[in-house]
C-alpha atoms as a PDB file:
ATOM      1  CA  MET A   1     179.014  96.115  57.307  1.00  0.00           C
ATOM      2  CA  ARG A   2     179.983  96.147  60.903  1.00  0.00           C
ATOM      3  CA  GLY A   3     177.325  97.715  61.471  1.00  0.00           C
ATOM      4  CA  LEU A   4     175.122  95.528  59.553  1.00  0.00           C
ATOM      5  CA  LEU A   5     176.839  92.745  61.403  1.00  0.00           C
ATOM      6  CA  LEU A   6     175.609  93.897  64.811  1.00  0.00           C
ATOM      7  CA  ALA A   7     172.310  94.857  63.957  1.00  0.00           C
ATOM      8  CA  ALA A   8     171.675  91.423  62.133  1.00  0.00           C
ATOM      9  CA  LEU A   9     172.783  89.552  65.377  1.00  0.00           C
ATOM     10  CA  THR A  10     171.121  92.067  67.970  1.00  0.00           C
ATOM     11  CA  LEU A  11     168.161  90.632  65.966  1.00  0.00           C
ATOM     12  CA  LEU A  12     169.034  86.954  66.642  1.00  0.00           C
ATOM     13  CA  VAL A  13     170.019  86.939  70.167  1.00  0.00           C
ATOM     14  CA  ALA A  14     166.995  89.597  71.585  1.00  0.00           C
ATOM     15  CA  PRO A  15     164.192  86.888  71.615  1.00  0.00           C
ATOM     16  CA  ALA A  16     166.482  84.775  73.443  1.00  0.00           C
ATOM     17  CA  ALA A  17     167.425  87.802  75.995  1.00  0.00           C
ATOM     18  CA  MET A  18     163.664  88.297  76.205  1.00  0.00           C
ATOM     19  CA  ALA A  19     162.516  84.437  76.840  1.00  0.00           C
ATOM     20  CA  VAL A  20     161.422  83.326  80.119  1.00  0.00           C
ATOM     21  CA  HIS A  21     163.612  80.556  81.783  1.00  0.00           C
ATOM     22  CA  TYR A  22     162.135  79.060  84.873  1.00  0.00           C
ATOM     23  CA  ARG A  23     164.108  77.555  87.821  1.00  0.00           C
ATOM     24  CA  GLY A  24     161.141  76.305  89.514  1.00  0.00           C
ATOM     25  CA  THR A  25     158.001  76.270  91.584  1.00  0.00           C
ATOM     26  CA  THR A  26     156.403  76.703  94.532  1.00  0.00           C
ATOM     27  CA  LEU A  27     152.649  75.545  95.311  1.00  0.00           C
ATOM     28  CA  SER A  28     150.893  77.004  98.563  1.00  0.00           C
ATOM     29  CA  PRO A  29     149.624  74.297 101.187  1.00  0.00           C
ATOM     30  CA  ASP A  30     146.534  74.920 100.280  1.00  0.00           C
ATOM     31  CA  ARG A  31     147.203  74.811  96.709  1.00  0.00           C
ATOM     32  CA  THR A  32     145.418  77.851  95.869  1.00  0.00           C
ATOM     33  CA  LYS A  33     148.340  79.789  94.925  1.00  0.00           C
ATOM     34  CA  LEU A  34     151.480  78.760  92.421  1.00  0.00           C
ATOM     35  CA  VAL A  35     154.673  81.162  92.694  1.00  0.00           C
ATOM     36  CA  LEU A  36     157.015  80.282  89.580  1.00  0.00           C
ATOM     37  CA  HIS A  37     160.802  80.506  90.308  1.00  0.00           C
ATOM     38  CA  THR A  38     162.162  82.246  86.925  1.00  0.00           C
ATOM     39  CA  ASP A  39     165.464  84.188  86.084  1.00  0.00           C
ATOM     40  CA  ARG A  40     163.628  87.491  86.252  1.00  0.00           C
ATOM     41  CA  GLY A  41     162.028  87.122  89.837  1.00  0.00           C
ATOM     42  CA  GLU A  42     159.232  85.196  90.999  1.00  0.00           C
ATOM     43  CA  VAL A  43     155.480  85.701  89.706  1.00  0.00           C
ATOM     44  CA  LEU A  44     152.113  83.743  90.238  1.00  0.00           C
ATOM     45  CA  ALA A  45     151.126  81.648  87.894  1.00  0.00           C
ATOM     46  CA  PRO A  46     147.506  82.997  86.452  1.00  0.00           C
ATOM     47  CA  ARG A  47     144.282  80.984  87.175  1.00  0.00           C
ATOM     48  CA  THR A  48     143.234  80.024  83.333  1.00  0.00           C
ATOM     49  CA  ASP A  49     139.829  78.538  84.143  1.00  0.00           C
ATOM     50  CA  LYS A  50     136.758  80.866  85.599  1.00  0.00           C
ATOM     51  CA  GLY A  51     135.815  77.915  88.144  1.00  0.00           C
ATOM     52  CA  GLN A  52     139.746  77.219  89.130  1.00  0.00           C
ATOM     53  CA  GLN A  53     139.785  76.371  92.583  1.00  0.00           C
ATOM     54  CA  GLY A  54     143.657  75.776  92.955  1.00  0.00           C
ATOM     55  CA  PHE A  55     147.067  74.468  91.411  1.00  0.00           C
ATOM     56  CA  ALA A  56     148.320  70.570  91.517  1.00  0.00           C
ATOM     57  CA  GLY A  57     151.530  68.945  89.881  1.00  0.00           C
ATOM     58  CA  PRO A  58     153.499  71.502  88.763  1.00  0.00           C
ATOM     59  CA  HIS A  59     156.809  70.455  86.900  1.00  0.00           C
ATOM     60  CA  VAL A  60     159.318  72.797  84.850  1.00  0.00           C
ATOM     61  CA  SER A  61     160.669  71.734  81.368  1.00  0.00           C
ATOM     62  CA  PRO A  62     164.124  69.987  81.158  1.00  0.00           C
ATOM     63  CA  ASP A  63     164.955  73.106  79.247  1.00  0.00           C
ATOM     64  CA  GLY A  64     163.191  75.671  82.055  1.00  0.00           C
ATOM     65  CA  ARG A  65     161.852  77.157  79.000  1.00  0.00           C
ATOM     66  CA  MET A  66     158.364  75.652  79.723  1.00  0.00           C
ATOM     67  CA  VAL A  67     156.275  75.259  82.927  1.00  0.00           C
ATOM     68  CA  GLY A  68     153.335  73.224  84.055  1.00  0.00           C
ATOM     69  CA  TRP A  69     150.488  72.317  85.980  1.00  0.00           C
ATOM     70  CA  LEU A  70     147.309  70.976  86.797  1.00  0.00           C
ATOM     71  CA  GLU A  71     143.887  73.013  87.283  1.00  0.00           C
ATOM     72  CA  LEU A  72     142.071  71.905  89.898  1.00  0.00           C
ATOM     73  CA  VAL A  73     137.959  72.811  89.424  1.00  0.00           C
ATOM     74  CA  PRO A  74     134.500  71.827  90.943  1.00  0.00           C
ATOM     75  CA  LEU A  75     133.200  68.295  90.377  1.00  0.00           C
ATOM     76  CA  GLN A  76     129.661  68.209  90.991  1.00  0.00           C
ATOM     77  CA  GLY A  77     128.565  65.503  93.717  1.00  0.00           C
ATOM     78  CA  ASN A  78     132.793  65.477  94.530  1.00  0.00           C
ATOM     79  CA  ASP A  79     134.036  66.513  98.494  1.00  0.00           C
ATOM     80  CA  GLY A  80     137.167  68.629  96.573  1.00  0.00           C
ATOM     81  CA  PRO A  81     137.967  70.184  93.068  1.00  0.00           C
ATOM     82  CA  MET A  82     139.175  67.489  90.325  1.00  0.00           C
ATOM     83  CA  PRO A  83     142.431  68.073  88.172  1.00  0.00           C
ATOM     84  CA  GLY A  84     140.606  69.733  85.098  1.00  0.00           C
ATOM     85  CA  ALA A  85     142.838  70.283  82.414  1.00  0.00           C
ATOM     86  CA  LEU A  86     146.710  70.515  82.066  1.00  0.00           C
ATOM     87  CA  VAL A  87     148.150  73.913  81.473  1.00  0.00           C
ATOM     88  CA  ILE A  88     151.484  74.612  79.291  1.00  0.00           C
ATOM     89  CA  PHE A  89     152.875  78.206  79.920  1.00  0.00           C
ATOM     90  CA  ARG A  90     155.889  79.701  78.480  1.00  0.00           C
ATOM     91  CA  ASP A  91     157.195  83.145  78.249  1.00  0.00           C
ATOM     92  CA  ASP A  92     154.167  84.684  80.715  1.00  0.00           C
ATOM     93  CA  LYS A  93     152.043  82.929  78.427  1.00  0.00           C
ATOM     94  CA  ILE A  94     149.669  79.964  77.841  1.00  0.00           C
ATOM     95  CA  VAL A  95     150.866  77.788  75.175  1.00  0.00           C
ATOM     96  CA  ARG A  96     148.619  75.197  75.660  1.00  0.00           C
ATOM     97  CA  ARG A  97     146.236  73.493  77.623  1.00  0.00           C
ATOM     98  CA  PHE A  98     145.168  70.050  77.649  1.00  0.00           C
ATOM     99  CA  TYR A  99     141.454  69.058  78.741  1.00  0.00           C
ATOM    100  CA  CYS A 100     140.508  66.006  80.708  1.00  0.00           C
ATOM    101  CA  GLY A 101     136.589  65.209  80.071  1.00  0.00           C
ATOM    102  CA  ASP A 102     135.508  62.690  82.406  1.00  0.00           C
ATOM    103  CA  LEU A 103     138.660  61.550  83.316  1.00  0.00           C
ATOM    104  CA  ALA A 104     141.108  62.970  86.002  1.00  0.00           C
ATOM    105  CA  ILE A 105     144.939  63.100  85.437  1.00  0.00           C
ATOM    106  CA  TYR A 106     146.549  61.177  87.892  1.00  0.00           C
ATOM    107  CA  GLU A 107     150.306  62.691  86.738  1.00  0.00           C
ATOM    108  CA  TRP A 108     152.118  64.032  83.811  1.00  0.00           C
ATOM    109  CA  ALA A 109     155.440  64.752  83.085  1.00  0.00           C
ATOM    110  CA  PHE A 110     157.144  66.571  80.473  1.00  0.00           C
ATOM    111  CA  ALA A 111     158.591  64.033  77.282  1.00  0.00           C
ATOM    112  CA  ASP A 112     160.520  64.238  74.387  1.00  0.00           C
ATOM    113  CA  GLY A 113     162.922  66.487  75.491  1.00  0.00           C
ATOM    114  CA  GLY A 114     160.166  69.172  76.293  1.00  0.00           C
ATOM    115  CA  LYS A 115     158.199  68.957  73.096  1.00  0.00           C
ATOM    116  CA  ALA A 116     155.279  66.836  74.017  1.00  0.00           C
ATOM    117  CA  VAL A 117     153.894  65.868  77.789  1.00  0.00           C
ATOM    118  CA  ALA A 118     152.871  62.143  78.946  1.00  0.00           C
ATOM    119  CA  CYS A 119     149.893  62.118  81.075  1.00  0.00           C
ATOM    120  CA  VAL A 120     147.843  59.453  83.209  1.00  0.00           C
ATOM    121  CA  GLN A 121     144.222  59.562  83.539  1.00  0.00           C
ATOM    122  CA  SER A 122     141.306  57.504  85.483  1.00  0.00           C
ATOM    123  CA  THR A 123     138.417  57.941  87.134  1.00  0.00           C
ATOM    124  CA  LEU A 124     138.557  60.303  90.010  1.00  0.00           C
ATOM    125  CA  HIS A 125     137.527  57.259  92.477  1.00  0.00           C
ATOM    126  CA  SER A 126     138.757  54.085  92.728  1.00  0.00           C
ATOM    127  CA  PRO A 127     140.579  53.457  89.537  1.00  0.00           C
ATOM    128  CA  ASN A 128     140.452  50.268  87.733  1.00  0.00           C
ATOM    129  CA  TYR A 129     141.559  51.545  83.734  1.00  0.00           C
ATOM    130  CA  TYR A 130     144.230  53.779  83.189  1.00  0.00           C
ATOM    131  CA  VAL A 131     144.847  55.732  79.736  1.00  0.00           C
ATOM    132  CA  TYR A 132     148.225  57.136  79.151  1.00  0.00           C
ATOM    133  CA  LYS A 133     148.701  59.306  76.499  1.00  0.00           C
ATOM    134  CA  LEU A 134     151.868  61.107  74.968  1.00  0.00           C
ATOM    135  CA  LEU A 135     150.365  64.747  73.100  1.00  0.00           C
ATOM    136  CA  ARG A 136     152.795  67.450  71.135  1.00  0.00           C
ATOM    137  CA  ILE A 137     152.634  70.425  72.878  1.00  0.00           C
ATOM    138  CA  SER A 138     153.067  72.609  69.451  1.00  0.00           C
ATOM    139  CA  ASP A 139     149.463  71.005  68.361  1.00  0.00           C
ATOM    140  CA  GLY A 140     148.154  69.146  70.598  1.00  0.00           C
ATOM    141  CA  HIS A 141     148.055  66.024  68.516  1.00  0.00           C
ATOM    142  CA  VAL A 142     148.304  62.892  70.462  1.00  0.00           C
ATOM    143  CA  LEU A 143     151.400  61.039  69.844  1.00  0.00           C
ATOM    144  CA  GLY A 144     150.940  58.026  71.575  1.00  0.00           C
ATOM    145  CA  LYS A 145     148.334  56.219  73.960  1.00  0.00           C
ATOM    146  CA  PHE A 146     148.398  53.109  76.113  1.00  0.00           C
ATOM    147  CA  SER A 147     146.146  51.724  78.287  1.00  0.00           C
ATOM    148  CA  CYS A 148     145.967  49.305  81.073  1.00  0.00           C
ATOM    149  CA  GLY A 149     143.507  47.751  84.134  1.00  0.00           C
ATOM    150  CA  TRP A 150     142.247  44.975  85.845  1.00  0.00           C
ATOM    151  CA  GLN A 151     141.637  42.140  84.670  1.00  0.00           C
ATOM    152  CA  ARG A 152     137.676  41.144  83.896  1.00  0.00           C
ATOM    153  CA  ALA A 153     135.840  38.043  84.721  1.00  0.00           C
ATOM    154  CA  GLY A 154     132.397  36.877  83.920  1.00  0.00           C
ATOM    155  CA  THR A 155     130.112  38.082  81.528  1.00  0.00           C
ATOM    156  CA  PRO A 156     127.846  41.290  81.803  1.00  0.00           C
ATOM    157  CA  PRO A 157     125.842  41.850  83.570  1.00  0.00           C
ATOM    158  CA  LYS A 158     127.889  39.466  86.139  1.00  0.00           C
ATOM    159  CA  LEU A 159     131.235  41.499  85.074  1.00  0.00           C
ATOM    160  CA  THR A 160     133.589  41.379  87.757  1.00  0.00           C
ATOM    161  CA  HIS A 161     137.220  42.775  87.683  1.00  0.00           C
ATOM    162  CA  ILE A 162     140.092  40.871  89.386  1.00  0.00           C
ATOM    163  CA  PRO A 163     142.258  42.723  91.349  1.00  0.00           C
ATOM    164  CA  PRO A 164     145.382  43.345  91.498  1.00  0.00           C
ATOM    165  CA  ALA A 165     145.419  41.137  88.151  1.00  0.00           C
ATOM    166  CA  TRP A 166     146.227  43.934  86.021  1.00  0.00           C
ATOM    167  CA  VAL A 167     146.049  43.216  82.058  1.00  0.00           C
ATOM    168  CA  ASN A 168     147.899  45.947  79.980  1.00  0.00           C
ATOM    169  CA  GLU A 169     146.887  46.192  76.143  1.00  0.00           C
ATOM    170  CA  GLY A 170     150.128  45.914  74.413  1.00  0.00           C
ATOM    171  CA  ASN A 171     153.547  46.325  75.045  1.00  0.00           C
ATOM    172  CA  VAL A 172     154.632  49.595  77.255  1.00  0.00           C
ATOM    173  CA  PRO A 173     156.014  52.197  75.427  1.00  0.00           C
ATOM    174  CA  SER A 174     159.165  53.962  77.462  1.00  0.00           C
ATOM    175  CA  TRP A 175     157.249  57.389  77.853  1.00  0.00           C
ATOM    176  CA  VAL A 176     154.840  55.867  80.024  1.00  0.00           C
ATOM    177  CA  TRP A 177     157.121  54.411  83.034  1.00  0.00           C
ATOM    178  CA  PRO A 178     157.979  58.151  84.672  1.00  0.00           C
ATOM    179  CA  ILE A 179     154.483  58.680  85.230  1.00  0.00           C
ATOM    180  CA  ALA A 180     153.209  55.233  85.709  1.00  0.00           C
ATOM    181  CA  GLN A 181     150.436  54.008  88.450  1.00  0.00           C
ATOM    182  CA  GLY A 182     149.163  51.125  89.423  1.00  0.00           C
ATOM    183  CA  CYS A 183     149.449  49.823  85.938  1.00  0.00           C
ATOM    184  CA  PRO A 184     151.361  48.780  84.159  1.00  0.00           C
ATOM    185  CA  THR A 185     153.395  46.902  86.317  1.00  0.00           C
ATOM    186  CA  ARG A 186     157.057  45.626  85.731  1.00  0.00           C
END
């Protein structure tokens, strides 16, 4: 009986003992290398895209079980790379990639105790509109969305933006504030 109990306990503890815990990150000055500091030592974050030129915005989840970063990829007609995807990494494996599409990710953070990420996206140059998303890590599902931008005046083709008069589309969710950019304003 004791043997069975010990075997069952070993099976329960074994996965937890194998899990990697991240203590922090170090980004090289040229942003081409990202060092992940774990309870087992230091490891280099893997390049996750064939055209990837670097890393940006690394964060460790609140429980230390995951780490994430923005992958920098070339953008045609741009001086340097832009954040092309948000990568979430756990136990030496990529668990989720969130792609940016045509918008750059300006900031991101773990949310909901590490079950989700919040990110803010906009155009790369002279952003006048921000899109905030709350995304579940387990399946990539969009849990929330919020947008804001400059107030507009006139009618097309003479439509202009009135900076810095920012306009929110609805009430500002609490998950937006930790990553808020030019808008929303308090």
